[in-house]
Amino acid sequence: QVQLVESGGGLVQPGGSLTLSCAASGFTFSSYFMSWYRQAPGKGRELVASITYTGDSSNYADSVKGRFTISRDNAKNTVYLQMNTLKVEDTAVYSCYADAPWDSGPGYWGQGTQVTVSS
């Protein structure tokens, strides 16, 4: 029973901060790259950030670089996304994704959590 459950979304004013969590279960969490994606109304899915198995390396979309930080705690099977200096254009549904390395198997998606940045 694979599960990825996001939490921490909500309403925040521009310039504010929010931290998302994604709790994973039912698979070997430490063997998967983890990513955060987002999708705004009328737009395609965008890769926001990704992190390697042990958290030794991370990548970010240019639009969030310097403002967002991805991290993981393998002991808790959880990946986080800290979002600072939020902008209206950050408004989207944010989803967690577990990526099997080298196409060794299927990836897994969470249901997503809504982040709304509005004044």
PDB file of N, CA and C in Angstrom:
ATOM      1  N   GLN A   1       0.833  -1.178   0.000  1.00  0.00           N
ATOM      2  CA  GLN A   1       0.000   0.000   0.000  1.00  0.00           C
ATOM      3  C   GLN A   1       0.883   1.248   0.000  1.00  0.00           C
ATOM      4  N   VAL A   2       1.145   1.769  -1.180  1.00  0.00           N
ATOM      5  CA  VAL A   2       1.969   2.957  -1.325  1.00  0.00           C
ATOM      6  C   VAL A   2       1.137   4.196  -1.028  1.00  0.00           C
ATOM      7  N   GLN A   3       1.687   5.077  -0.217  1.00  0.00           N
ATOM      8  CA  GLN A   3       1.016   6.326   0.098  1.00  0.00           C
ATOM      9  C   GLN A   3       2.015   7.471   0.131  1.00  0.00           C
ATOM     10  N   LEU A   4       1.619   8.588  -0.443  1.00  0.00           N
ATOM     11  CA  LEU A   4       2.320   9.850  -0.323  1.00  0.00           C
ATOM     12  C   LEU A   4       1.285  10.889   0.062  1.00  0.00           C
ATOM     13  N   VAL A   5       1.419  11.451   1.237  1.00  0.00           N
ATOM     14  CA  VAL A   5       0.407  12.351   1.764  1.00  0.00           C
ATOM     15  C   VAL A   5       1.034  13.707   2.038  1.00  0.00           C
ATOM     16  N   GLU A   6       0.613  14.710   1.271  1.00  0.00           N
ATOM     17  CA  GLU A   6       1.115  16.068   1.443  1.00  0.00           C
ATOM     18  C   GLU A   6       0.300  16.807   2.500  1.00  0.00           C
ATOM     19  N   SER A   7       0.949  17.745   3.146  1.00  0.00           N
ATOM     20  CA  SER A   7       0.279  18.606   4.107  1.00  0.00           C
ATOM     21  C   SER A   7       1.023  19.930   4.185  1.00  0.00           C
ATOM     22  N   GLY A   8       0.386  20.920   4.767  1.00  0.00           N
ATOM     23  CA  GLY A   8       1.019  22.203   4.992  1.00  0.00           C
ATOM     24  C   GLY A   8       0.584  23.311   4.062  1.00  0.00           C
ATOM     25  N   GLY A   9      -0.242  23.002   3.082  1.00  0.00           N
ATOM     26  CA  GLY A   9      -0.716  24.030   2.179  1.00  0.00           C
ATOM     27  C   GLY A   9      -1.694  24.966   2.864  1.00  0.00           C
ATOM     28  N   GLY A  10      -1.968  26.079   2.206  1.00  0.00           N
ATOM     29  CA  GLY A  10      -2.896  27.040   2.758  1.00  0.00           C
ATOM     30  C   GLY A  10      -2.790  28.377   2.072  1.00  0.00           C
ATOM     31  N   LEU A  11      -3.356  29.382   2.718  1.00  0.00           N
ATOM     32  CA  LEU A  11      -3.373  30.746   2.199  1.00  0.00           C
ATOM     33  C   LEU A  11      -2.301  31.572   2.890  1.00  0.00           C
ATOM     34  N   VAL A  12      -1.523  32.293   2.099  1.00  0.00           N
ATOM     35  CA  VAL A  12      -0.461  33.130   2.637  1.00  0.00           C
ATOM     36  C   VAL A  12      -0.365  34.402   1.808  1.00  0.00           C
ATOM     37  N   GLN A  13       0.044  35.495   2.443  1.00  0.00           N
ATOM     38  CA  GLN A  13       0.211  36.757   1.736  1.00  0.00           C
ATOM     39  C   GLN A  13       1.524  36.789   0.964  1.00  0.00           C
ATOM     40  N   PRO A  14       1.584  37.576  -0.104  1.00  0.00           N
ATOM     41  CA  PRO A  14       2.858  37.729  -0.821  1.00  0.00           C
ATOM     42  C   PRO A  14       3.976  38.140   0.129  1.00  0.00           C
ATOM     43  N   GLY A  15       5.132  37.521  -0.052  1.00  0.00           N
ATOM     44  CA  GLY A  15       6.260  37.760   0.832  1.00  0.00           C
ATOM     45  C   GLY A  15       6.317  36.844   2.032  1.00  0.00           C
ATOM     46  N   GLY A  16       5.267  36.089   2.255  1.00  0.00           N
ATOM     47  CA  GLY A  16       5.204  35.182   3.376  1.00  0.00           C
ATOM     48  C   GLY A  16       5.887  33.862   3.105  1.00  0.00           C
ATOM     49  N   SER A  17       5.797  32.961   4.083  1.00  0.00           N
ATOM     50  CA  SER A  17       6.457  31.663   4.008  1.00  0.00           C
ATOM     51  C   SER A  17       5.487  30.541   4.334  1.00  0.00           C
ATOM     52  N   LEU A  18       5.810  29.369   3.816  1.00  0.00           N
ATOM     53  CA  LEU A  18       5.009  28.182   4.053  1.00  0.00           C
ATOM     54  C   LEU A  18       5.913  26.970   3.899  1.00  0.00           C
ATOM     55  N   THR A  19       5.684  25.941   4.697  1.00  0.00           N
ATOM     56  CA  THR A  19       6.457  24.708   4.590  1.00  0.00           C
ATOM     57  C   THR A  19       5.522  23.535   4.318  1.00  0.00           C
ATOM     58  N   LEU A  20       5.801  22.807   3.253  1.00  0.00           N
ATOM     59  CA  LEU A  20       5.032  21.630   2.891  1.00  0.00           C
ATOM     60  C   LEU A  20       5.749  20.364   3.357  1.00  0.00           C
ATOM     61  N   SER A  21       4.975  19.350   3.698  1.00  0.00           N
ATOM     62  CA  SER A  21       5.516  18.049   4.064  1.00  0.00           C
ATOM     63  C   SER A  21       4.863  16.977   3.210  1.00  0.00           C
ATOM     64  N   CYS A  22       5.605  15.920   2.948  1.00  0.00           N
ATOM     65  CA  CYS A  22       5.088  14.768   2.225  1.00  0.00           C
ATOM     66  C   CYS A  22       5.539  13.515   2.956  1.00  0.00           C
ATOM     67  N   ALA A  23       4.602  12.817   3.563  1.00  0.00           N
ATOM     68  CA  ALA A  23       4.891  11.602   4.313  1.00  0.00           C
ATOM     69  C   ALA A  23       4.675  10.389   3.423  1.00  0.00           C
ATOM     70  N   ALA A  24       5.701   9.543   3.305  1.00  0.00           N
ATOM     71  CA  ALA A  24       5.678   8.396   2.410  1.00  0.00           C
ATOM     72  C   ALA A  24       5.622   7.088   3.188  1.00  0.00           C
ATOM     73  N   SER A  25       4.975   6.093   2.588  1.00  0.00           N
ATOM     74  CA  SER A  25       4.933   4.764   3.169  1.00  0.00           C
ATOM     75  C   SER A  25       4.648   3.737   2.080  1.00  0.00           C
ATOM     76  N   GLY A  26       4.986   2.476   2.336  1.00  0.00           N
ATOM     77  CA  GLY A  26       4.672   1.393   1.428  1.00  0.00           C
ATOM     78  C   GLY A  26       5.729   1.093   0.383  1.00  0.00           C
ATOM     79  N   PHE A  27       6.855   1.770   0.447  1.00  0.00           N
ATOM     80  CA  PHE A  27       7.968   1.505  -0.463  1.00  0.00           C
ATOM     81  C   PHE A  27       9.264   1.930   0.205  1.00  0.00           C
ATOM     82  N   THR A  28      10.382   1.579  -0.428  1.00  0.00           N
ATOM     83  CA  THR A  28      11.686   1.884   0.148  1.00  0.00           C
ATOM     84  C   THR A  28      12.032   3.338  -0.154  1.00  0.00           C
ATOM     85  N   PHE A  29      11.643   4.203   0.736  1.00  0.00           N
ATOM     86  CA  PHE A  29      11.771   5.642   0.543  1.00  0.00           C
ATOM     87  C   PHE A  29      13.196   6.057   0.202  1.00  0.00           C
ATOM     88  N   SER A  30      14.174   5.493   0.890  1.00  0.00           N
ATOM     89  CA  SER A  30      15.565   5.899   0.719  1.00  0.00           C
ATOM     90  C   SER A  30      16.146   5.525  -0.639  1.00  0.00           C
ATOM     91  N   SER A  31      15.457   4.684  -1.412  1.00  0.00           N
ATOM     92  CA  SER A  31      15.926   4.292  -2.741  1.00  0.00           C
ATOM     93  C   SER A  31      15.388   5.190  -3.847  1.00  0.00           C
ATOM     94  N   TYR A  32      14.580   6.171  -3.504  1.00  0.00           N
ATOM     95  CA  TYR A  32      13.920   7.015  -4.479  1.00  0.00           C
ATOM     96  C   TYR A  32      14.377   8.458  -4.398  1.00  0.00           C
ATOM     97  N   PHE A  33      14.624   9.038  -5.579  1.00  0.00           N
ATOM     98  CA  PHE A  33      14.699  10.485  -5.654  1.00  0.00           C
ATOM     99  C   PHE A  33      13.317  11.028  -5.319  1.00  0.00           C
ATOM    100  N   MET A  34      13.270  12.162  -4.664  1.00  0.00           N
ATOM    101  CA  MET A  34      12.002  12.795  -4.334  1.00  0.00           C
ATOM    102  C   MET A  34      11.921  14.168  -4.984  1.00  0.00           C
ATOM    103  N   SER A  35      10.719  14.512  -5.417  1.00  0.00           N
ATOM    104  CA  SER A  35      10.522  15.784  -6.100  1.00  0.00           C
ATOM    105  C   SER A  35       9.228  16.438  -5.644  1.00  0.00           C
ATOM    106  N   TRP A  36       9.187  17.752  -5.814  1.00  0.00           N
ATOM    107  CA  TRP A  36       7.963  18.522  -5.692  1.00  0.00           C
ATOM    108  C   TRP A  36       7.616  19.097  -7.056  1.00  0.00           C
ATOM    109  N   TYR A  37       6.387  18.910  -7.467  1.00  0.00           N
ATOM    110  CA  TYR A  37       5.841  19.505  -8.675  1.00  0.00           C
ATOM    111  C   TYR A  37       4.714  20.445  -8.293  1.00  0.00           C
ATOM    112  N   ARG A  38       4.363  21.327  -9.207  1.00  0.00           N
ATOM    113  CA  ARG A  38       3.201  22.179  -9.000  1.00  0.00           C
ATOM    114  C   ARG A  38       2.465  22.388 -10.311  1.00  0.00           C
ATOM    115  N   GLN A  39       1.183  22.655 -10.195  1.00  0.00           N
ATOM    116  CA  GLN A  39       0.361  22.925 -11.357  1.00  0.00           C
ATOM    117  C   GLN A  39      -0.649  24.009 -11.016  1.00  0.00           C
ATOM    118  N   ALA A  40      -0.568  25.108 -11.739  1.00  0.00           N
ATOM    119  CA  ALA A  40      -1.502  26.203 -11.584  1.00  0.00           C
ATOM    120  C   ALA A  40      -2.650  26.032 -12.571  1.00  0.00           C
ATOM    121  N   PRO A  41      -3.804  26.644 -12.289  1.00  0.00           N
ATOM    122  CA  PRO A  41      -4.940  26.538 -13.213  1.00  0.00           C
ATOM    123  C   PRO A  41      -4.572  26.981 -14.622  1.00  0.00           C
ATOM    124  N   GLY A  42      -4.877  26.143 -15.606  1.00  0.00           N
ATOM    125  CA  GLY A  42      -4.609  26.475 -16.993  1.00  0.00           C
ATOM    126  C   GLY A  42      -3.167  26.312 -17.420  1.00  0.00           C
ATOM    127  N   LYS A  43      -2.322  25.798 -16.557  1.00  0.00           N
ATOM    128  CA  LYS A  43      -0.919  25.619 -16.883  1.00  0.00           C
ATOM    129  C   LYS A  43      -0.507  24.164 -16.696  1.00  0.00           C
ATOM    130  N   GLY A  44       0.600  23.798 -17.310  1.00  0.00           N
ATOM    131  CA  GLY A  44       1.111  22.452 -17.201  1.00  0.00           C
ATOM    132  C   GLY A  44       1.832  22.204 -15.889  1.00  0.00           C
ATOM    133  N   ARG A  45       2.101  20.944 -15.633  1.00  0.00           N
ATOM    134  CA  ARG A  45       2.826  20.569 -14.432  1.00  0.00           C
ATOM    135  C   ARG A  45       4.283  21.018 -14.536  1.00  0.00           C
ATOM    136  N   GLU A  46       4.797  21.584 -13.467  1.00  0.00           N
ATOM    137  CA  GLU A  46       6.149  22.124 -13.429  1.00  0.00           C
ATOM    138  C   GLU A  46       6.946  21.454 -12.322  1.00  0.00           C
ATOM    139  N   LEU A  47       8.150  21.019 -12.655  1.00  0.00           N
ATOM    140  CA  LEU A  47       9.058  20.504 -11.633  1.00  0.00           C
ATOM    141  C   LEU A  47       9.624  21.665 -10.841  1.00  0.00           C
ATOM    142  N   VAL A  48       9.392  21.653  -9.540  1.00  0.00           N
ATOM    143  CA  VAL A  48       9.823  22.732  -8.667  1.00  0.00           C
ATOM    144  C   VAL A  48      11.186  22.448  -8.066  1.00  0.00           C
ATOM    145  N   ALA A  49      11.355  21.245  -7.533  1.00  0.00           N
ATOM    146  CA  ALA A  49      12.591  20.887  -6.858  1.00  0.00           C
ATOM    147  C   ALA A  49      12.712  19.381  -6.773  1.00  0.00           C
ATOM    148  N   SER A  50      13.941  18.887  -6.726  1.00  0.00           N
ATOM    149  CA  SER A  50      14.193  17.465  -6.564  1.00  0.00           C
ATOM    150  C   SER A  50      15.402  17.271  -5.662  1.00  0.00           C
ATOM    151  N   ILE A  51      15.481  16.079  -5.072  1.00  0.00           N
ATOM    152  CA  ILE A  51      16.546  15.786  -4.126  1.00  0.00           C
ATOM    153  C   ILE A  51      16.945  14.324  -4.249  1.00  0.00           C
ATOM    154  N   THR A  52      18.238  14.055  -4.087  1.00  0.00           N
ATOM    155  CA  THR A  52      18.762  12.708  -4.237  1.00  0.00           C
ATOM    156  C   THR A  52      18.444  11.843  -3.022  1.00  0.00           C
ATOM    157  N   TYR A  53      18.851  10.567  -3.078  1.00  0.00           N
ATOM    158  CA  TYR A  53      18.477   9.579  -2.062  1.00  0.00           C
ATOM    159  C   TYR A  53      18.813  10.010  -0.646  1.00  0.00           C
ATOM    160  N   THR A  54      20.016  10.532  -0.475  1.00  0.00           N
ATOM    161  CA  THR A  54      20.497  10.901   0.851  1.00  0.00           C
ATOM    162  C   THR A  54      20.385  12.394   1.126  1.00  0.00           C
ATOM    163  N   GLY A  55      19.934  13.150   0.149  1.00  0.00           N
ATOM    164  CA  GLY A  55      19.834  14.581   0.312  1.00  0.00           C
ATOM    165  C   GLY A  55      21.128  15.326   0.064  1.00  0.00           C
ATOM    166  N   ASP A  56      22.090  14.674  -0.583  1.00  0.00           N
ATOM    167  CA  ASP A  56      23.384  15.299  -0.823  1.00  0.00           C
ATOM    168  C   ASP A  56      23.363  16.307  -1.961  1.00  0.00           C
ATOM    169  N   SER A  57      22.334  16.254  -2.806  1.00  0.00           N
ATOM    170  CA  SER A  57      22.250  17.172  -3.937  1.00  0.00           C
ATOM    171  C   SER A  57      20.794  17.506  -4.223  1.00  0.00           C
ATOM    172  N   SER A  58      20.553  18.756  -4.609  1.00  0.00           N
ATOM    173  CA  SER A  58      19.210  19.216  -4.916  1.00  0.00           C
ATOM    174  C   SER A  58      19.219  20.063  -6.173  1.00  0.00           C
ATOM    175  N   ASN A  59      18.081  20.116  -6.851  1.00  0.00           N
ATOM    176  CA  ASN A  59      17.912  20.950  -8.029  1.00  0.00           C
ATOM    177  C   ASN A  59      16.617  21.731  -7.908  1.00  0.00           C
ATOM    178  N   TYR A  60      16.601  22.924  -8.517  1.00  0.00           N
ATOM    179  CA  TYR A  60      15.453  23.811  -8.411  1.00  0.00           C
ATOM    180  C   TYR A  60      15.116  24.433  -9.753  1.00  0.00           C
ATOM    181  N   ALA A  61      13.839  24.680  -9.954  1.00  0.00           N
ATOM    182  CA  ALA A  61      13.425  25.482 -11.088  1.00  0.00           C
ATOM    183  C   ALA A  61      13.950  26.902 -10.921  1.00  0.00           C
ATOM    184  N   ASP A  62      14.280  27.546 -12.035  1.00  0.00           N
ATOM    185  CA  ASP A  62      14.799  28.909 -11.969  1.00  0.00           C
ATOM    186  C   ASP A  62      13.833  29.857 -11.259  1.00  0.00           C
ATOM    187  N   SER A  63      12.554  29.606 -11.400  1.00  0.00           N
ATOM    188  CA  SER A  63      11.549  30.491 -10.839  1.00  0.00           C
ATOM    189  C   SER A  63      11.506  30.480  -9.315  1.00  0.00           C
ATOM    190  N   VAL A  64      12.055  29.437  -8.690  1.00  0.00           N
ATOM    191  CA  VAL A  64      12.022  29.329  -7.234  1.00  0.00           C
ATOM    192  C   VAL A  64      13.404  29.312  -6.611  1.00  0.00           C
ATOM    193  N   LYS A  65      14.433  29.271  -7.425  1.00  0.00           N
ATOM    194  CA  LYS A  65      15.799  29.205  -6.919  1.00  0.00           C
ATOM    195  C   LYS A  65      16.090  30.381  -5.993  1.00  0.00           C
ATOM    196  N   GLY A  66      16.640  30.080  -4.843  1.00  0.00           N
ATOM    197  CA  GLY A  66      16.951  31.096  -3.859  1.00  0.00           C
ATOM    198  C   GLY A  66      15.828  31.378  -2.888  1.00  0.00           C
ATOM    199  N   ARG A  67      14.622  30.905  -3.195  1.00  0.00           N
ATOM    200  CA  ARG A  67      13.469  31.133  -2.328  1.00  0.00           C
ATOM    201  C   ARG A  67      12.956  29.851  -1.680  1.00  0.00           C
ATOM    202  N   PHE A  68      13.067  28.724  -2.401  1.00  0.00           N
ATOM    203  CA  PHE A  68      12.560  27.448  -1.905  1.00  0.00           C
ATOM    204  C   PHE A  68      13.720  26.534  -1.527  1.00  0.00           C
ATOM    205  N   THR A  69      13.482  25.662  -0.554  1.00  0.00           N
ATOM    206  CA  THR A  69      14.471  24.674  -0.151  1.00  0.00           C
ATOM    207  C   THR A  69      13.802  23.318   0.025  1.00  0.00           C
ATOM    208  N   ILE A  70      14.317  22.307  -0.673  1.00  0.00           N
ATOM    209  CA  ILE A  70      13.834  20.947  -0.511  1.00  0.00           C
ATOM    210  C   ILE A  70      14.770  20.198   0.434  1.00  0.00           C
ATOM    211  N   SER A  71      14.201  19.355   1.278  1.00  0.00           N
ATOM    212  CA  SER A  71      14.995  18.545   2.186  1.00  0.00           C
ATOM    213  C   SER A  71      14.268  17.233   2.439  1.00  0.00           C
ATOM    214  N   ARG A  72      14.981  16.260   3.003  1.00  0.00           N
ATOM    215  CA  ARG A  72      14.345  14.981   3.306  1.00  0.00           C
ATOM    216  C   ARG A  72      14.893  14.411   4.600  1.00  0.00           C
ATOM    217  N   ASP A  73      14.069  13.621   5.256  1.00  0.00           N
ATOM    218  CA  ASP A  73      14.446  12.911   6.466  1.00  0.00           C
ATOM    219  C   ASP A  73      14.097  11.452   6.235  1.00  0.00           C
ATOM    220  N   ASN A  74      15.097  10.641   5.882  1.00  0.00           N
ATOM    221  CA  ASN A  74      14.835   9.243   5.542  1.00  0.00           C
ATOM    222  C   ASN A  74      14.372   8.432   6.745  1.00  0.00           C
ATOM    223  N   ALA A  75      14.755   8.837   7.933  1.00  0.00           N
ATOM    224  CA  ALA A  75      14.300   8.142   9.133  1.00  0.00           C
ATOM    225  C   ALA A  75      12.804   8.316   9.341  1.00  0.00           C
ATOM    226  N   LYS A  76      12.256   9.422   8.837  1.00  0.00           N
ATOM    227  CA  LYS A  76      10.834   9.699   8.964  1.00  0.00           C
ATOM    228  C   LYS A  76      10.076   9.477   7.667  1.00  0.00           C
ATOM    229  N   ASN A  77      10.778   9.049   6.612  1.00  0.00           N
ATOM    230  CA  ASN A  77      10.160   8.849   5.294  1.00  0.00           C
ATOM    231  C   ASN A  77       9.384  10.092   4.852  1.00  0.00           C
ATOM    232  N   THR A  78      10.015  11.235   5.014  1.00  0.00           N
ATOM    233  CA  THR A  78       9.339  12.492   4.741  1.00  0.00           C
ATOM    234  C   THR A  78      10.236  13.421   3.937  1.00  0.00           C
ATOM    235  N   VAL A  79       9.646  14.103   2.967  1.00  0.00           N
ATOM    236  CA  VAL A  79      10.324  15.141   2.214  1.00  0.00           C
ATOM    237  C   VAL A  79       9.600  16.463   2.457  1.00  0.00           C
ATOM    238  N   TYR A  80      10.357  17.556   2.490  1.00  0.00           N
ATOM    239  CA  TYR A  80       9.818  18.863   2.819  1.00  0.00           C
ATOM    240  C   TYR A  80      10.110  19.861   1.706  1.00  0.00           C
ATOM    241  N   LEU A  81       9.300  20.886   1.656  1.00  0.00           N
ATOM    242  CA  LEU A  81       9.561  22.015   0.783  1.00  0.00           C
ATOM    243  C   LEU A  81       9.300  23.289   1.566  1.00  0.00           C
ATOM    244  N   GLN A  82      10.365  23.995   1.906  1.00  0.00           N
ATOM    245  CA  GLN A  82      10.233  25.278   2.570  1.00  0.00           C
ATOM    246  C   GLN A  82      10.179  26.368   1.522  1.00  0.00           C
ATOM    247  N   MET A  83       9.131  27.171   1.576  1.00  0.00           N
ATOM    248  CA  MET A  83       8.889  28.201   0.584  1.00  0.00           C
ATOM    249  C   MET A  83       8.924  29.565   1.269  1.00  0.00           C
ATOM    250  N   ASN A  84       9.845  30.396   0.845  1.00  0.00           N
ATOM    251  CA  ASN A  84       9.996  31.735   1.390  1.00  0.00           C
ATOM    252  C   ASN A  84       9.758  32.781   0.310  1.00  0.00           C
ATOM    253  N   THR A  85       9.508  33.996   0.743  1.00  0.00           N
ATOM    254  CA  THR A  85       9.281  35.118  -0.164  1.00  0.00           C
ATOM    255  C   THR A  85       8.300  34.732  -1.262  1.00  0.00           C
ATOM    256  N   LEU A  86       7.169  34.215  -0.849  1.00  0.00           N
ATOM    257  CA  LEU A  86       6.182  33.708  -1.794  1.00  0.00           C
ATOM    258  C   LEU A  86       5.601  34.818  -2.653  1.00  0.00           C
ATOM    259  N   LYS A  87       5.319  34.469  -3.899  1.00  0.00           N
ATOM    260  CA  LYS A  87       4.748  35.379  -4.870  1.00  0.00           C
ATOM    261  C   LYS A  87       3.385  34.868  -5.311  1.00  0.00           C
ATOM    262  N   VAL A  88       2.576  35.759  -5.840  1.00  0.00           N
ATOM    263  CA  VAL A  88       1.260  35.369  -6.327  1.00  0.00           C
ATOM    264  C   VAL A  88       1.375  34.250  -7.360  1.00  0.00           C
ATOM    265  N   GLU A  89       2.395  34.309  -8.201  1.00  0.00           N
ATOM    266  CA  GLU A  89       2.573  33.305  -9.234  1.00  0.00           C
ATOM    267  C   GLU A  89       2.993  31.931  -8.705  1.00  0.00           C
ATOM    268  N   ASP A  90       3.264  31.834  -7.411  1.00  0.00           N
ATOM    269  CA  ASP A  90       3.534  30.542  -6.802  1.00  0.00           C
ATOM    270  C   ASP A  90       2.254  29.769  -6.491  1.00  0.00           C
ATOM    271  N   THR A  91       1.117  30.416  -6.650  1.00  0.00           N
ATOM    272  CA  THR A  91      -0.162  29.764  -6.381  1.00  0.00           C
ATOM    273  C   THR A  91      -0.344  28.554  -7.281  1.00  0.00           C
ATOM    274  N   ALA A  92      -0.574  27.396  -6.683  1.00  0.00           N
ATOM    275  CA  ALA A  92      -0.710  26.149  -7.435  1.00  0.00           C
ATOM    276  C   ALA A  92      -1.029  25.013  -6.478  1.00  0.00           C
ATOM    277  N   VAL A  93      -1.370  23.870  -7.050  1.00  0.00           N
ATOM    278  CA  VAL A  93      -1.421  22.631  -6.296  1.00  0.00           C
ATOM    279  C   VAL A  93      -0.032  22.009  -6.323  1.00  0.00           C
ATOM    280  N   TYR A  94       0.512  21.753  -5.161  1.00  0.00           N
ATOM    281  CA  TYR A  94       1.851  21.190  -5.034  1.00  0.00           C
ATOM    282  C   TYR A  94       1.751  19.706  -4.712  1.00  0.00           C
ATOM    283  N   SER A  95       2.450  18.885  -5.497  1.00  0.00           N
ATOM    284  CA  SER A  95       2.387  17.441  -5.348  1.00  0.00           C
ATOM    285  C   SER A  95       3.772  16.849  -5.146  1.00  0.00           C
ATOM    286  N   CYS A  96       3.823  15.824  -4.338  1.00  0.00           N
ATOM    287  CA  CYS A  96       5.051  15.090  -4.065  1.00  0.00           C
ATOM    288  C   CYS A  96       5.157  13.909  -5.025  1.00  0.00           C
ATOM    289  N   TYR A  97       6.368  13.633  -5.502  1.00  0.00           N
ATOM    290  CA  TYR A  97       6.594  12.526  -6.434  1.00  0.00           C
ATOM    291  C   TYR A  97       7.819  11.727  -6.019  1.00  0.00           C
ATOM    292  N   ALA A  98       7.654  10.413  -5.969  1.00  0.00           N
ATOM    293  CA  ALA A  98       8.749   9.490  -5.692  1.00  0.00           C
ATOM    294  C   ALA A  98       9.181   8.851  -6.997  1.00  0.00           C
ATOM    295  N   ASP A  99      10.439   9.037  -7.366  1.00  0.00           N
ATOM    296  CA  ASP A  99      10.956   8.625  -8.669  1.00  0.00           C
ATOM    297  C   ASP A  99      11.892   7.438  -8.516  1.00  0.00           C
ATOM    298  N   ALA A 100      11.505   6.296  -9.073  1.00  0.00           N
ATOM    299  CA  ALA A 100      12.371   5.123  -9.058  1.00  0.00           C
ATOM    300  C   ALA A 100      13.586   5.367  -9.943  1.00  0.00           C
ATOM    301  N   PRO A 101      14.783   5.122  -9.446  1.00  0.00           N
ATOM    302  CA  PRO A 101      15.980   5.400 -10.238  1.00  0.00           C
ATOM    303  C   PRO A 101      16.151   4.435 -11.396  1.00  0.00           C
ATOM    304  N   TRP A 102      16.710   4.928 -12.493  1.00  0.00           N
ATOM    305  CA  TRP A 102      17.048   4.137 -13.682  1.00  0.00           C
ATOM    306  C   TRP A 102      15.858   3.359 -14.232  1.00  0.00           C
ATOM    307  N   ASP A 103      14.691   3.923 -14.146  1.00  0.00           N
ATOM    308  CA  ASP A 103      13.467   3.284 -14.649  1.00  0.00           C
ATOM    309  C   ASP A 103      13.296   1.875 -14.100  1.00  0.00           C
ATOM    310  N   SER A 104      13.624   1.692 -12.853  1.00  0.00           N
ATOM    311  CA  SER A 104      13.547   0.379 -12.220  1.00  0.00           C
ATOM    312  C   SER A 104      12.136  -0.016 -11.811  1.00  0.00           C
ATOM    313  N   GLY A 105      11.236   0.922 -11.869  1.00  0.00           N
ATOM    314  CA  GLY A 105       9.864   0.659 -11.494  1.00  0.00           C
ATOM    315  C   GLY A 105       9.035   1.916 -11.606  1.00  0.00           C
ATOM    316  N   PRO A 106       7.773   1.843 -11.212  1.00  0.00           N
ATOM    317  CA  PRO A 106       6.896   3.004 -11.320  1.00  0.00           C
ATOM    318  C   PRO A 106       7.229   4.070 -10.289  1.00  0.00           C
ATOM    319  N   GLY A 107       6.910   5.303 -10.643  1.00  0.00           N
ATOM    320  CA  GLY A 107       6.960   6.371  -9.677  1.00  0.00           C
ATOM    321  C   GLY A 107       5.612   6.503  -8.992  1.00  0.00           C
ATOM    322  N   TYR A 108       5.586   7.275  -7.918  1.00  0.00           N
ATOM    323  CA  TYR A 108       4.357   7.433  -7.132  1.00  0.00           C
ATOM    324  C   TYR A 108       4.060   8.901  -6.876  1.00  0.00           C
ATOM    325  N   TRP A 109       2.788   9.242  -6.964  1.00  0.00           N
ATOM    326  CA  TRP A 109       2.311  10.606  -6.770  1.00  0.00           C
ATOM    327  C   TRP A 109       1.456  10.725  -5.521  1.00  0.00           C
ATOM    328  N   GLY A 110       1.578  11.854  -4.856  1.00  0.00           N
ATOM    329  CA  GLY A 110       0.628  12.211  -3.830  1.00  0.00           C
ATOM    330  C   GLY A 110      -0.571  12.920  -4.431  1.00  0.00           C
ATOM    331  N   GLN A 111      -1.565  13.202  -3.615  1.00  0.00           N
ATOM    332  CA  GLN A 111      -2.787  13.849  -4.092  1.00  0.00           C
ATOM    333  C   GLN A 111      -2.630  15.351  -4.266  1.00  0.00           C
ATOM    334  N   GLY A 112      -1.675  15.942  -3.597  1.00  0.00           N
ATOM    335  CA  GLY A 112      -1.416  17.358  -3.734  1.00  0.00           C
ATOM    336  C   GLY A 112      -2.031  18.184  -2.612  1.00  0.00           C
ATOM    337  N   THR A 113      -1.468  19.362  -2.421  1.00  0.00           N
ATOM    338  CA  THR A 113      -1.976  20.312  -1.445  1.00  0.00           C
ATOM    339  C   THR A 113      -1.985  21.703  -2.061  1.00  0.00           C
ATOM    340  N   GLN A 114      -3.045  22.445  -1.812  1.00  0.00           N
ATOM    341  CA  GLN A 114      -3.231  23.757  -2.429  1.00  0.00           C
ATOM    342  C   GLN A 114      -2.438  24.822  -1.688  1.00  0.00           C
ATOM    343  N   VAL A 115      -1.674  25.596  -2.448  1.00  0.00           N
ATOM    344  CA  VAL A 115      -0.989  26.772  -1.930  1.00  0.00           C
ATOM    345  C   VAL A 115      -1.540  27.990  -2.658  1.00  0.00           C
ATOM    346  N   THR A 116      -2.073  28.926  -1.901  1.00  0.00           N
ATOM    347  CA  THR A 116      -2.629  30.141  -2.476  1.00  0.00           C
ATOM    348  C   THR A 116      -1.922  31.351  -1.891  1.00  0.00           C
ATOM    349  N   VAL A 117      -1.324  32.152  -2.763  1.00  0.00           N
ATOM    350  CA  VAL A 117      -0.625  33.364  -2.356  1.00  0.00           C
ATOM    351  C   VAL A 117      -1.450  34.544  -2.838  1.00  0.00           C
ATOM    352  N   SER A 118      -2.003  35.288  -1.909  1.00  0.00           N
ATOM    353  CA  SER A 118      -2.914  36.364  -2.259  1.00  0.00           C
ATOM    354  C   SER A 118      -2.917  37.420  -1.169  1.00  0.00           C
ATOM    355  N   SER A 119      -3.075  38.674  -1.591  1.00  0.00           N
ATOM    356  CA  SER A 119      -3.181  39.782  -0.661  1.00  0.00           C
ATOM    357  C   SER A 119      -4.623  40.091  -0.320  1.00  0.00           C
TER     358      SER A 119
END
